[in-house]
């Protein structure tokens, strides 16, 4: 039996780890293997490249700090790192080096063994110069790739082979090719996993919330058929169920996730593993719907879930379910709780619906597409700088001035400010709110990065 090289894909949330995993194992020669004891917490798949077999492990987003759920996911990522022969440290070139990236780097530097630094989302040559910002992580020159489009992923496999013993001599005519996903889907005889098919879809939406908030009822109402078991008892859904619906704006895949509860209440391993799948859905979706049970109000756990979704970088659609069961005073109380406990969700306007009766649900799809449009929006540089000049003229920063602004990335919209002196957090928040209002970014996350320039 050929020796298998174990490869762990590691990084902070929302850098494209699952996309890279799908790209690596979703080829013509891919063999996706369901293994006992690992499939519930780590996605594992094998592929063969130039006669070498690689076993890829897709991990959840690693975080040095976070709640109990984050720490559990991070521990599983660390387990994959320990078991691997080589680690792919994935970073996002569009957002640059973050504190979370630095934390992951510290963790990996404590590990003996080889690590390859991979800069993802380099979809065009213009992004390549930005990869050298990641030299500060201490793993040498990054390899620029695009997991979504397959750019340089063949080079990545070659590098994996070179770092782990090289390749046997192979007839180039027999070497497998890294196919474009569109070409793969046209080959009906090719075995495709759901994860690979997911890459070809335009929009993915995760429905998230506490147990018994009405997630499965909403899921069934949206997709138009009974795909999830609905029962008035917390914890009925223990796995992530998904389905695709066709809309006027294109196909949308909805994920109905298991309800998340505090770690102390995970009575069975099954519940724990379903929690891991739910967190994966949050990290990989394009839009997250946070369902809050209006009859119980906004709890501290709803607040923690909202923070977790906000951390993933996905736009949030906030849904107050069972609104029809509340009287006037109760509605005022819930509205006050939203303003108080979820105030950090800038630009999020809650939807008040009844999933059971269907009231208000018709507004959900337009809201989702609105959030996704803002998530992918790009503002011309000239327009941005004209707007910046007007803002500084009316409300200049306390010290120095901003020389220039450019939008460096979308998904989420990320803006780089070149300033003569550091900017205060309050002024950055002021800029974020004005940019959000001016360009109708709604609830989508907006990232501002400041670079010092004299």
Protein backbone atom coordinates (compact mmCIF):
# COMPACT_ATOMS: atom_id res chain seq x y z
CA UNK A 1 0.00 0.00 0.00
CA UNK A 2 1.37 3.43 -0.98
CA UNK A 3 2.44 5.73 1.84
CA UNK A 4 -0.09 8.48 2.61
CA UNK A 5 1.08 12.02 3.44
CA UNK A 6 -1.22 13.73 5.91
CA UNK A 7 -1.83 17.43 5.21
CA UNK A 8 -3.69 19.73 7.64
CA UNK A 9 -5.27 22.92 6.23
CA UNK A 10 -5.16 25.47 9.06
CA UNK A 11 -5.99 29.16 9.45
CA UNK A 12 -8.31 31.64 11.09
CA UNK A 13 -12.03 31.63 10.17
CA UNK A 14 -13.15 32.69 6.71
CA UNK A 15 -9.86 32.43 4.77
CA UNK A 16 -11.06 29.70 2.38
CA UNK A 17 -9.91 26.47 4.04
CA UNK A 18 -12.95 24.47 2.93
CA UNK A 19 -12.69 25.88 -0.59
CA UNK A 20 -9.09 24.70 -0.78
CA UNK A 21 -10.05 21.30 0.63
CA UNK A 22 -12.78 20.93 -1.98
CA UNK A 23 -10.38 21.94 -4.71
CA UNK A 24 -7.76 19.45 -3.57
CA UNK A 25 -10.05 16.42 -3.30
CA UNK A 26 -12.67 17.37 -5.92
CA UNK A 27 -10.61 16.45 -8.96
CA UNK A 28 -10.99 13.71 -11.54
CA UNK A 29 -8.76 11.36 -9.52
CA UNK A 30 -10.16 12.25 -6.09
CA UNK A 31 -11.10 9.55 -3.62
CA UNK A 32 -13.16 11.00 -0.77
CA UNK A 33 -13.04 8.67 2.16
CA UNK A 34 -15.52 8.45 5.05
CA UNK A 35 -13.56 7.27 8.07
CA UNK A 36 -14.79 6.31 11.50
CA UNK A 37 -13.83 8.63 14.35
CA UNK A 38 -12.79 11.51 12.14
CA UNK A 39 -15.67 12.46 9.87
CA UNK A 40 -17.71 13.95 12.67
CA UNK A 41 -15.12 16.50 13.64
CA UNK A 42 -12.68 16.70 10.72
CA UNK A 43 -13.46 16.56 7.02
CA UNK A 44 -10.94 14.15 5.46
CA UNK A 45 -10.32 13.38 1.80
CA UNK A 46 -7.60 11.73 -0.27
CA UNK A 47 -6.18 12.64 -3.64
CA UNK A 48 -3.38 11.31 -5.81
CA UNK A 49 -0.89 13.62 -7.52
CA UNK A 50 1.99 12.35 -9.66
CA UNK A 51 1.94 9.00 -7.93
CA UNK A 52 1.82 10.42 -4.39
CA UNK A 53 -1.23 10.07 -2.13
CA UNK A 54 -2.15 13.02 0.06
CA UNK A 55 -4.76 12.93 2.82
CA UNK A 56 -6.16 16.43 3.39
CA UNK A 57 -7.77 17.45 6.68
CA UNK A 58 -10.11 20.44 6.60
CA UNK A 59 -10.16 22.12 10.02
CA UNK A 60 -12.40 24.73 11.58
CA UNK A 61 -11.17 28.29 12.07
CA UNK A 62 -8.44 28.42 14.74
CA UNK A 63 -8.72 31.19 17.34
CA UNK A 64 -6.50 31.87 20.34
CA UNK A 65 -9.38 33.57 22.14
CA UNK A 66 -13.09 32.95 22.05
CA UNK A 67 -15.94 31.23 23.80
CA UNK A 68 -16.20 27.54 24.66
CA UNK A 69 -17.40 26.65 21.16
CA UNK A 70 -14.46 28.41 19.51
CA UNK A 71 -12.02 26.68 21.81
CA UNK A 72 -13.42 23.25 20.99
CA UNK A 73 -13.05 23.89 17.26
CA UNK A 74 -9.53 25.22 17.82
CA UNK A 75 -8.60 22.11 19.79
CA UNK A 76 -9.67 19.92 16.88
CA UNK A 77 -7.57 22.01 14.51
CA UNK A 78 -4.60 21.52 16.84
CA UNK A 79 -5.25 17.80 16.81
CA UNK A 80 -5.09 17.79 13.00
CA UNK A 81 -1.81 19.75 13.19
CA UNK A 82 -0.32 17.15 15.56
CA UNK A 83 -1.39 14.25 13.35
CA UNK A 84 -0.23 15.81 10.07
CA UNK A 85 3.05 15.39 8.23
CA UNK A 86 2.86 18.92 6.84
CA UNK A 87 0.63 21.95 7.43
CA UNK A 88 -0.85 24.38 4.92
CA UNK A 89 -1.19 27.72 6.73
CA UNK A 90 -3.89 29.57 4.77
CA UNK A 91 -4.20 33.38 4.86
CA UNK A 92 -6.41 35.85 2.97
CA UNK A 93 -4.51 38.28 0.73
CA UNK A 94 -7.56 40.55 0.47
CA UNK A 95 -7.61 41.42 4.18
CA UNK A 96 -3.87 41.26 4.91
CA UNK A 97 -2.26 40.17 8.16
CA UNK A 98 -4.69 40.13 11.10
CA UNK A 99 -4.20 39.54 14.81
CA UNK A 100 -5.79 36.11 14.34
CA UNK A 101 -3.20 35.26 11.66
CA UNK A 102 -0.42 36.21 14.06
CA UNK A 103 -1.96 33.96 16.73
CA UNK A 104 -2.11 31.02 14.31
CA UNK A 105 1.53 31.64 13.34
CA UNK A 106 2.61 31.49 17.00
CA UNK A 107 0.78 28.19 17.43
CA UNK A 108 2.40 26.68 14.32
CA UNK A 109 5.90 27.89 15.24
CA UNK A 110 5.63 25.75 18.37
CA UNK A 111 5.09 22.70 16.14
CA UNK A 112 8.08 20.72 14.85
CA UNK A 113 7.78 19.99 11.16
CA UNK A 114 7.21 21.74 7.87
CA UNK A 115 4.62 24.46 7.23
CA UNK A 116 3.76 25.98 3.86
CA UNK A 117 2.34 29.50 3.93
CA UNK A 118 -0.43 29.84 1.33
CA UNK A 119 -1.95 33.21 0.38
CA UNK A 120 -5.49 32.58 -0.86
CA UNK A 121 -7.89 34.69 -2.99
CA UNK A 122 -5.15 35.87 -5.36
CA UNK A 123 -7.59 35.84 -8.27
CA UNK A 124 -5.61 38.35 -10.36
CA UNK A 125 -1.99 39.39 -10.89
CA UNK A 126 -2.68 42.74 -9.23
CA UNK A 127 -3.03 41.01 -5.85
CA UNK A 128 0.33 39.22 -6.03
CA UNK A 129 2.47 42.08 -4.60
CA UNK A 130 0.28 42.01 -1.48
CA UNK A 131 1.43 38.49 -0.52
CA UNK A 132 4.76 39.78 0.78
CA UNK A 133 3.01 41.43 3.71
CA UNK A 134 2.77 37.88 5.11
CA UNK A 135 6.56 37.46 5.34
CA UNK A 136 6.25 38.81 8.89
CA UNK A 137 4.56 35.53 9.87
CA UNK A 138 7.93 33.80 9.65
CA UNK A 139 7.27 30.99 7.18
CA UNK A 140 9.17 32.32 4.18
CA UNK A 141 7.69 33.36 0.84
CA UNK A 142 3.95 32.65 0.58
CA UNK A 143 2.57 30.70 -2.38
CA UNK A 144 -0.16 32.74 -4.09
CA UNK A 145 -3.27 30.73 -5.03
CA UNK A 146 -6.98 31.03 -5.67
CA UNK A 147 -8.78 28.03 -4.19
CA UNK A 148 -12.05 29.11 -5.80
CA UNK A 149 -10.63 29.33 -9.32
CA UNK A 150 -7.85 26.72 -9.05
CA UNK A 151 -5.04 29.18 -9.70
CA UNK A 152 -1.60 27.70 -8.80
CA UNK A 153 -3.16 24.78 -6.92
CA UNK A 154 -1.16 22.39 -9.11
CA UNK A 155 1.98 24.23 -8.00
CA UNK A 156 0.84 23.78 -4.40
CA UNK A 157 0.58 20.01 -4.88
CA UNK A 158 4.03 19.98 -6.48
CA UNK A 159 5.42 21.89 -3.49
CA UNK A 160 3.77 19.45 -1.08
CA UNK A 161 5.49 16.59 -2.85
CA UNK A 162 8.88 18.32 -2.83
CA UNK A 163 8.62 19.09 0.90
CA UNK A 164 7.71 15.49 1.77
CA UNK A 165 10.17 13.35 -0.17
CA UNK A 166 9.67 14.18 -3.84
CA UNK A 167 7.86 12.30 -6.61
CA UNK A 168 8.54 9.07 -8.38
CA UNK A 169 9.33 9.30 -12.08
CA UNK A 170 6.02 9.50 -13.92
CA UNK A 171 5.13 9.67 -17.58
CA UNK A 172 3.88 13.26 -18.01
CA UNK A 173 1.20 11.97 -20.33
CA UNK A 174 -0.29 9.98 -17.46
CA UNK A 175 -0.18 12.74 -14.86
CA UNK A 176 -3.61 13.85 -13.64
CA UNK A 177 -4.67 17.40 -14.34
CA UNK A 178 -6.29 19.80 -11.90
CA UNK A 179 -9.62 20.36 -13.63
CA UNK A 180 -11.73 23.46 -13.43
CA UNK A 181 -14.85 22.76 -11.35
CA UNK A 182 -17.09 23.60 -14.28
CA UNK A 183 -15.33 20.96 -16.37
CA UNK A 184 -15.62 18.46 -13.53
CA UNK A 185 -19.37 18.91 -13.29
CA UNK A 186 -19.76 18.22 -17.00
CA UNK A 187 -18.23 14.75 -16.50
CA UNK A 188 -21.23 12.77 -15.32
CA UNK A 189 -19.15 9.71 -14.44
CA UNK A 190 -17.00 11.65 -11.96
CA UNK A 191 -17.78 11.15 -8.27
CA UNK A 192 -18.59 14.58 -6.83
CA UNK A 193 -19.17 15.26 -3.16
CA UNK A 194 -21.75 17.77 -2.01
CA UNK A 195 -18.88 20.00 -0.94
CA UNK A 196 -17.53 20.17 -4.47
CA UNK A 197 -20.95 20.92 -5.92
CA UNK A 198 -21.26 23.70 -3.38
CA UNK A 199 -18.36 25.54 -5.02
CA UNK A 200 -20.35 25.99 -8.23
CA UNK A 201 -23.31 27.58 -6.48
CA UNK A 202 -23.80 31.32 -6.34
CA UNK A 203 -25.07 31.77 -2.80
CA UNK A 204 -25.07 29.74 0.43
CA UNK A 205 -27.17 30.66 3.46
CA UNK A 206 -26.91 29.18 6.97
CA UNK A 207 -29.91 29.34 9.33
CA UNK A 208 -28.52 29.57 12.86
CA UNK A 209 -29.95 29.99 16.34
CA UNK A 210 -30.63 28.48 19.73
CA UNK A 211 -32.59 25.20 19.99
CA UNK A 212 -36.32 25.56 19.43
CA UNK A 213 -36.07 29.06 17.94
CA UNK A 214 -37.89 27.89 14.81
CA UNK A 215 -34.95 27.35 12.45
CA UNK A 216 -36.29 24.13 10.91
CA UNK A 217 -39.77 25.61 10.52
CA UNK A 218 -38.27 28.59 8.71
CA UNK A 219 -36.10 26.28 6.58
CA UNK A 220 -39.14 24.24 5.53
CA UNK A 221 -41.15 27.39 4.83
CA UNK A 222 -38.40 28.80 2.59
CA UNK A 223 -37.58 25.65 0.63
CA UNK A 224 -41.25 24.72 0.28
CA UNK A 225 -41.10 21.16 1.45
CA UNK A 226 -40.66 19.13 4.62
CA UNK A 227 -36.94 18.46 4.54
CA UNK A 228 -36.25 18.92 8.27
CA UNK A 229 -38.04 17.30 11.22
CA UNK A 230 -40.04 19.94 13.07
CA UNK A 231 -41.08 19.16 16.64
CA UNK A 232 -41.70 21.41 19.61
CA UNK A 233 -38.72 20.19 21.61
CA UNK A 234 -35.18 21.62 21.76
CA UNK A 235 -32.50 19.59 20.02
CA UNK A 236 -34.58 17.84 17.33
CA UNK A 237 -32.13 18.75 14.58
CA UNK A 238 -28.75 17.12 15.28
CA UNK A 239 -27.18 17.50 11.86
CA UNK A 240 -26.83 20.09 9.15
CA UNK A 241 -29.46 19.65 6.42
CA UNK A 242 -29.20 21.51 3.15
CA UNK A 243 -31.16 21.97 -0.03
CA UNK A 244 -30.97 24.15 -3.12
CA UNK A 245 -33.84 26.27 -4.37
CA UNK A 246 -34.03 28.07 -7.71
CA UNK A 247 -34.85 31.77 -7.51
CA UNK A 248 -35.06 34.63 -9.98
CA UNK A 249 -31.60 35.68 -8.80
CA UNK A 250 -30.09 32.21 -9.24
CA UNK A 251 -29.68 29.07 -7.11
CA UNK A 252 -29.46 29.39 -3.32
CA UNK A 253 -28.37 26.63 -0.96
CA UNK A 254 -29.95 26.82 2.49
CA UNK A 255 -28.44 25.05 5.49
CA UNK A 256 -30.66 24.16 8.44
CA UNK A 257 -28.24 23.79 11.34
CA UNK A 258 -28.55 22.22 14.75
CA UNK A 259 -29.38 24.60 17.59
CA UNK A 260 -26.33 25.80 19.49
CA UNK A 261 -26.37 25.66 23.27
CA UNK A 262 -23.81 26.10 26.03
CA UNK A 263 -21.07 23.48 26.28
CA UNK A 264 -22.26 22.30 29.71
CA UNK A 265 -25.50 21.16 28.07
CA UNK A 266 -23.90 18.87 25.49
CA UNK A 267 -25.07 15.61 27.01
CA UNK A 268 -24.01 13.41 24.09
CA UNK A 269 -21.14 13.31 21.63
CA UNK A 270 -23.68 13.57 18.81
CA UNK A 271 -24.72 17.01 20.01
CA UNK A 272 -21.11 18.12 20.22
CA UNK A 273 -20.35 17.00 16.67
CA UNK A 274 -23.50 18.67 15.35
CA UNK A 275 -22.25 21.87 16.98
CA UNK A 276 -19.01 21.53 15.02
CA UNK A 277 -20.94 21.17 11.76
CA UNK A 278 -22.99 24.25 12.62
CA UNK A 279 -19.84 26.31 13.20
CA UNK A 280 -18.48 25.09 9.87
CA UNK A 281 -21.67 26.23 8.16
CA UNK A 282 -21.28 29.67 9.78
CA UNK A 283 -17.67 30.00 8.62
CA UNK A 284 -18.35 28.90 5.03
CA UNK A 285 -21.70 30.55 4.24
CA UNK A 286 -22.21 33.73 2.22
CA UNK A 287 -25.05 34.96 4.46
CA UNK A 288 -26.09 33.85 7.95
CA UNK A 289 -29.68 34.09 9.20
CA UNK A 290 -29.74 34.42 13.00
CA UNK A 291 -33.14 33.24 14.24
CA UNK A 292 -34.16 34.57 17.66
CA UNK A 293 -37.21 33.26 19.50
CA UNK A 294 -39.11 36.48 20.20
CA UNK A 295 -41.21 34.79 22.90
CA UNK A 296 -38.10 34.35 25.05
CA UNK A 297 -36.37 37.54 23.93
CA UNK A 298 -32.73 38.17 23.09
CA UNK A 299 -30.71 36.05 25.51
CA UNK A 300 -27.02 36.19 26.34
CA UNK A 301 -26.54 33.09 24.21
CA UNK A 302 -28.18 34.81 21.22
CA UNK A 303 -25.66 37.58 21.76
CA UNK A 304 -22.76 35.10 21.75
CA UNK A 305 -24.03 33.53 18.53
CA UNK A 306 -24.29 36.93 16.91
CA UNK A 307 -20.70 37.68 17.95
CA UNK A 308 -19.57 34.35 16.47
CA UNK A 309 -21.27 35.08 13.13
CA UNK A 310 -19.89 38.61 13.11
CA UNK A 311 -16.40 37.18 13.67
CA UNK A 312 -16.77 34.92 10.63
CA UNK A 313 -17.12 37.99 8.40
CA UNK A 314 -20.47 37.00 6.90
CA UNK A 315 -23.42 39.40 6.56
CA UNK A 316 -26.18 38.75 9.11
CA UNK A 317 -29.92 38.75 8.57
CA UNK A 318 -31.53 39.00 12.00
CA UNK A 319 -34.93 37.29 12.27
CA UNK A 320 -37.24 37.71 15.26
CA UNK A 321 -39.45 34.63 14.94
CA UNK A 322 -42.87 34.01 16.57
CA UNK A 323 -43.53 37.75 16.50
CA UNK A 324 -47.26 37.13 16.12
CA UNK A 325 -47.38 35.57 19.60
CA UNK A 326 -46.28 38.78 21.35
CA UNK A 327 -48.49 41.52 22.71
CA UNK A 328 -47.64 45.20 22.44
CA UNK A 329 -45.61 45.44 25.66
CA UNK A 330 -43.62 42.29 24.87
CA UNK A 331 -42.74 43.63 21.43
CA UNK A 332 -41.42 46.86 22.95
CA UNK A 333 -39.29 44.83 25.36
CA UNK A 334 -37.80 42.66 22.59
CA UNK A 335 -37.04 45.73 20.46
CA UNK A 336 -35.22 47.25 23.43
CA UNK A 337 -33.22 44.04 23.91
CA UNK A 338 -32.15 44.08 20.26
CA UNK A 339 -30.96 47.69 20.60
CA UNK A 340 -29.10 46.89 23.82
CA UNK A 341 -27.62 43.40 23.35
CA UNK A 342 -27.08 43.37 19.59
CA UNK A 343 -26.02 46.97 19.09
CA UNK A 344 -22.61 45.81 17.77
CA UNK A 345 -24.34 44.47 14.63
CA UNK A 346 -24.01 47.74 12.75
CA UNK A 347 -26.66 48.36 10.13
CA UNK A 348 -28.70 45.24 10.96
CA UNK A 349 -32.46 45.85 10.88
CA UNK A 350 -34.37 42.89 12.37
CA UNK A 351 -37.07 41.11 10.40
CA UNK A 352 -40.18 40.31 12.43
CA UNK A 353 -41.85 37.16 11.12
CA UNK A 354 -43.78 34.02 11.92
CA UNK A 355 -42.20 30.97 10.32
CA UNK A 356 -45.18 28.87 11.41
CA UNK A 357 -47.81 30.94 9.62
CA UNK A 358 -45.49 32.28 6.92
CA UNK A 359 -46.19 35.91 7.77
CA UNK A 360 -43.31 38.12 6.65
CA UNK A 361 -41.24 35.23 5.26
CA UNK A 362 -41.69 36.50 1.69
CA UNK A 363 -39.34 39.39 2.55
CA UNK A 364 -36.48 37.05 3.48
CA UNK A 365 -35.07 36.26 0.02
CA UNK A 366 -34.89 39.93 -1.07
CA UNK A 367 -33.14 40.69 2.23
CA UNK A 368 -30.61 37.92 1.61
CA UNK A 369 -29.82 39.12 -1.90
CA UNK A 370 -29.56 42.70 -0.65
CA UNK A 371 -27.01 41.60 1.95
CA UNK A 372 -25.02 39.62 -0.60
CA UNK A 373 -24.99 42.49 -3.10
CA UNK A 374 -23.55 44.79 -0.42
CA UNK A 375 -21.04 42.09 0.57
CA UNK A 376 -19.69 42.03 -2.98
CA UNK A 377 -19.93 45.75 -3.71
CA UNK A 378 -16.97 47.81 -4.90
CA UNK A 379 -16.67 51.61 -4.80
CA UNK A 380 -14.52 53.40 -7.43
CA UNK A 381 -11.36 54.92 -5.95
CA UNK A 382 -12.10 58.44 -7.28
CA UNK A 383 -15.56 58.47 -5.74
CA UNK A 384 -14.19 57.20 -2.42
CA UNK A 385 -11.58 59.95 -2.20
CA UNK A 386 -14.03 62.70 -3.10
CA UNK A 387 -16.30 61.46 -0.33
CA UNK A 388 -13.35 61.27 2.08
CA UNK A 389 -12.38 64.88 1.37
CA UNK A 390 -15.91 66.05 2.16
CA UNK A 391 -15.90 64.07 5.42
CA UNK A 392 -12.54 65.44 6.54
CA UNK A 393 -13.59 68.97 5.66
CA UNK A 394 -16.66 68.73 7.90
CA UNK A 395 -15.18 66.51 10.63
CA UNK A 396 -11.36 66.19 10.49
CA UNK A 397 -9.48 63.68 12.65
CA UNK A 398 -8.04 64.91 15.94
CA UNK A 399 -4.44 64.57 14.70
CA UNK A 400 -2.95 64.38 11.24
CA UNK A 401 -5.02 63.71 8.17
CA UNK A 402 -6.01 60.92 5.82
CA UNK A 403 -4.14 61.21 2.55
CA UNK A 404 -5.85 58.57 0.48
CA UNK A 405 -8.37 55.72 0.61
CA UNK A 406 -8.72 52.65 -1.60
CA UNK A 407 -10.97 49.60 -1.49
CA UNK A 408 -8.62 46.64 -1.58
CA UNK A 409 -11.14 43.80 -1.42
CA UNK A 410 -14.75 42.72 -1.41
CA UNK A 411 -16.48 39.93 0.56
CA UNK A 412 -16.47 41.83 2.88
CA UNK A 413 -15.74 45.36 1.61
CA UNK A 414 -12.26 46.21 2.90
CA UNK A 415 -10.85 49.73 2.76
CA UNK A 416 -7.23 50.81 3.28
CA UNK A 417 -6.62 54.32 4.64
CA UNK A 418 -3.24 55.99 4.19
CA UNK A 419 -2.85 58.50 7.04
CA UNK A 420 -0.11 60.79 8.31
CA UNK A 421 -0.77 59.74 11.92
CA UNK A 422 -2.65 56.91 13.68
CA UNK A 423 -6.44 57.31 13.78
CA UNK A 424 -8.52 56.88 16.92
CA UNK A 425 -11.01 54.03 17.22
CA UNK A 426 -13.88 56.50 17.48
CA UNK A 427 -12.89 58.26 14.25
CA UNK A 428 -12.57 54.93 12.45
CA UNK A 429 -16.05 54.01 13.64
CA UNK A 430 -17.30 57.38 12.37
CA UNK A 431 -15.76 56.66 8.94
CA UNK A 432 -17.18 53.13 8.87
CA UNK A 433 -20.70 54.38 9.60
CA UNK A 434 -20.49 57.13 6.98
CA UNK A 435 -19.15 54.75 4.32
CA UNK A 436 -21.84 52.23 5.21
CA UNK A 437 -24.60 54.84 4.89
CA UNK A 438 -23.27 56.46 1.73
CA UNK A 439 -22.85 53.23 -0.25
CA UNK A 440 -25.84 51.29 1.15
CA UNK A 441 -23.75 48.53 2.69
CA UNK A 442 -26.45 47.69 5.23
CA UNK A 443 -25.51 44.85 7.57
CA UNK A 444 -22.47 43.65 5.67
CA UNK A 445 -19.20 43.77 7.64
CA UNK A 446 -16.95 46.69 6.71
CA UNK A 447 -13.21 46.49 7.41
CA UNK A 448 -10.94 49.51 7.68
CA UNK A 449 -7.16 49.17 7.66
CA UNK A 450 -4.83 52.09 8.37
CA UNK A 451 -1.32 52.45 6.97
CA UNK A 452 1.03 55.19 8.13
CA UNK A 453 2.44 57.39 5.38
CA UNK A 454 4.24 60.69 5.90
